[in-house]
Protein backbone atom coordinates (compact mmCIF):
# COMPACT_ATOMS: atom_id res chain seq x y z
CA MET A 1 0.06 0.00 0.12
CA GLN A 2 3.00 2.47 0.65
CA GLN A 3 4.44 1.76 -2.88
CA LYS A 4 0.71 3.02 -4.47
CA GLN A 5 0.31 6.42 -2.35
CA LYS A 6 1.44 8.38 -4.71
CA GLU A 7 -0.98 6.75 -7.51
CA LEU A 8 -3.76 7.15 -4.80
CA ILE A 9 -2.92 10.56 -4.09
CA LYS A 10 -3.45 11.68 -8.01
CA VAL A 11 -6.85 10.06 -7.78
CA LYS A 12 -7.42 12.14 -4.95
CA ALA A 13 -8.12 8.64 -2.83
CA THR A 14 -6.63 8.00 0.84
CA ALA A 15 -5.56 4.66 1.77
CA LEU A 16 -5.76 3.61 5.57
CA ALA A 17 -5.35 -0.01 7.70
CA ILE A 18 -7.33 -1.40 10.44
CA SER A 19 -6.79 -3.80 13.06
CA VAL A 20 -8.11 -5.72 15.40
CA GLU A 21 -4.91 -4.93 17.52
CA ASP A 22 -5.25 -2.38 20.25
CA ALA A 23 -3.76 0.91 19.56
CA LYS A 24 -0.76 0.44 21.87
CA THR A 25 0.40 -2.72 19.86
CA ILE A 26 0.27 -0.86 16.68
CA GLN A 27 2.11 2.49 17.81
CA GLN A 28 4.97 -0.34 18.84
CA PHE A 29 4.57 -2.13 15.77
CA ARG A 30 4.86 1.30 13.32
CA LYS A 31 8.13 1.89 15.57
CA THR A 32 9.97 -0.89 14.38
CA SER A 33 8.31 -0.55 10.62
CA ALA A 34 8.58 1.95 7.83
CA ILE A 35 4.84 2.40 7.41
CA LYS A 36 3.94 5.76 7.00
CA TYR A 37 0.04 5.57 6.25
CA THR A 38 -2.29 5.38 9.12
CA ILE A 39 -3.22 2.26 10.88
CA LEU A 40 -6.71 2.46 13.43
CA SER A 41 -7.06 0.62 16.29
CA ASP A 42 -10.15 -1.52 15.85
CA SER A 43 -10.03 -3.69 19.25
CA SER A 44 -13.50 -3.85 19.79
CA HIS A 45 -13.82 -5.17 16.39
CA GLU A 46 -16.97 -2.97 15.79
CA VAL A 47 -15.64 -2.42 12.55
CA SER A 48 -14.77 -5.68 11.48
CA ASP A 49 -17.82 -7.49 12.91
CA LYS A 50 -19.80 -5.00 10.47
CA PHE A 51 -17.77 -5.87 7.73
CA GLN A 52 -17.91 -9.55 8.49
CA THR A 53 -13.81 -9.65 8.39
CA TYR A 54 -13.48 -11.34 12.11
CA SER A 55 -13.82 -15.26 12.99
CA ALA A 56 -14.13 -14.84 17.22
CA ARG A 57 -13.48 -18.43 16.96
CA ASP A 58 -10.12 -18.45 14.87
CA LYS A 59 -9.67 -14.69 16.87
CA PHE A 60 -8.29 -13.04 13.53
CA SER A 61 -9.63 -10.77 11.09
CA VAL A 62 -9.54 -11.63 7.30
CA PRO A 63 -7.56 -9.37 5.34
CA ALA A 64 -10.12 -7.11 3.25
CA LEU A 65 -10.00 -4.07 0.97
CA PHE A 66 -12.69 -1.59 0.75
CA LEU A 67 -13.17 1.28 -1.49
CA ILE A 68 -14.91 3.94 0.33
CA ASP A 69 -16.20 7.14 -1.78
CA THR A 70 -16.42 10.80 -0.10
CA LYS A 71 -20.16 10.01 1.12
CA GLY A 72 -19.53 6.80 2.77
CA VAL A 73 -20.78 4.42 -0.06
CA ILE A 74 -18.63 1.45 -0.57
CA ARG A 75 -18.17 0.64 -3.66
CA LEU A 76 -15.97 -1.57 -4.02
CA GLY A 77 -14.76 -4.55 -1.51
CA LYS A 78 -12.68 -7.51 -1.54
CA VAL A 79 -12.36 -9.52 1.50
CA GLY A 80 -10.07 -12.47 1.56
CA VAL A 81 -7.54 -10.31 0.00
CA PRO A 82 -4.49 -12.59 -0.30
CA HIS A 83 -1.97 -10.18 0.76
CA GLY A 84 -4.93 -7.90 2.75
CA PRO A 85 -4.09 -4.07 2.14
CA PHE A 86 -0.61 -4.40 0.96
CA ASP A 87 -2.02 -6.25 -1.91
CA SER A 88 -0.85 -4.33 -4.91
CA SER A 89 -3.12 -5.73 -7.47
CA ALA A 90 -6.24 -5.04 -4.86
CA ILE A 91 -4.85 -1.42 -4.84
CA ASP A 92 -4.48 -1.30 -8.59
CA GLN A 93 -7.73 -2.60 -9.12
CA SER A 94 -9.45 0.38 -6.95
CA ILE A 95 -7.04 2.99 -9.15
CA LYS A 96 -8.30 1.73 -11.90
CA TRP A 97 -12.17 1.55 -10.97
CA ILE A 98 -11.92 4.97 -9.30
CA LYS A 99 -10.77 6.65 -12.89
CA LYS A 100 -13.10 4.53 -14.42
CA ASN A 101 -15.89 5.95 -12.45
CA GLU A 102 -14.86 9.27 -11.61
CA PRO A 103 -17.14 12.41 -12.25
CA LYS A 104 -16.23 13.78 -15.59
CA GLU A 105 -15.75 17.80 -15.21
CA SER A 106 -18.58 19.48 -16.88
CA GLY A 107 -17.83 23.07 -19.14
CA ALA A 108 -18.68 26.13 -18.72
CA GLY A 109 -22.05 26.40 -20.18
CA ALA A 110 -23.16 22.95 -20.08
């Protein structure tokens, strides 16, 4: 995901990750990694339960990628992404979808 940030910026998109880990664990992870994008904590599983990506039995959140527009509408969702949000092909698919579906600017007097 980090390698795709420039492309996401070009299409006016923002990428972030949501982890079921607590904020302290995420903070420690970020200190030891080169990750620059935002990682949010969902330790209560509120978000992962809503999007049905968390297995309480296995205590594991299935990697997933969602494309949500500025109005909060999910435009693309992939649950079970091979490398989660780090899956380059899933991000490429999202960027392609945004480019294809972005509103066309109307000219003056149109």
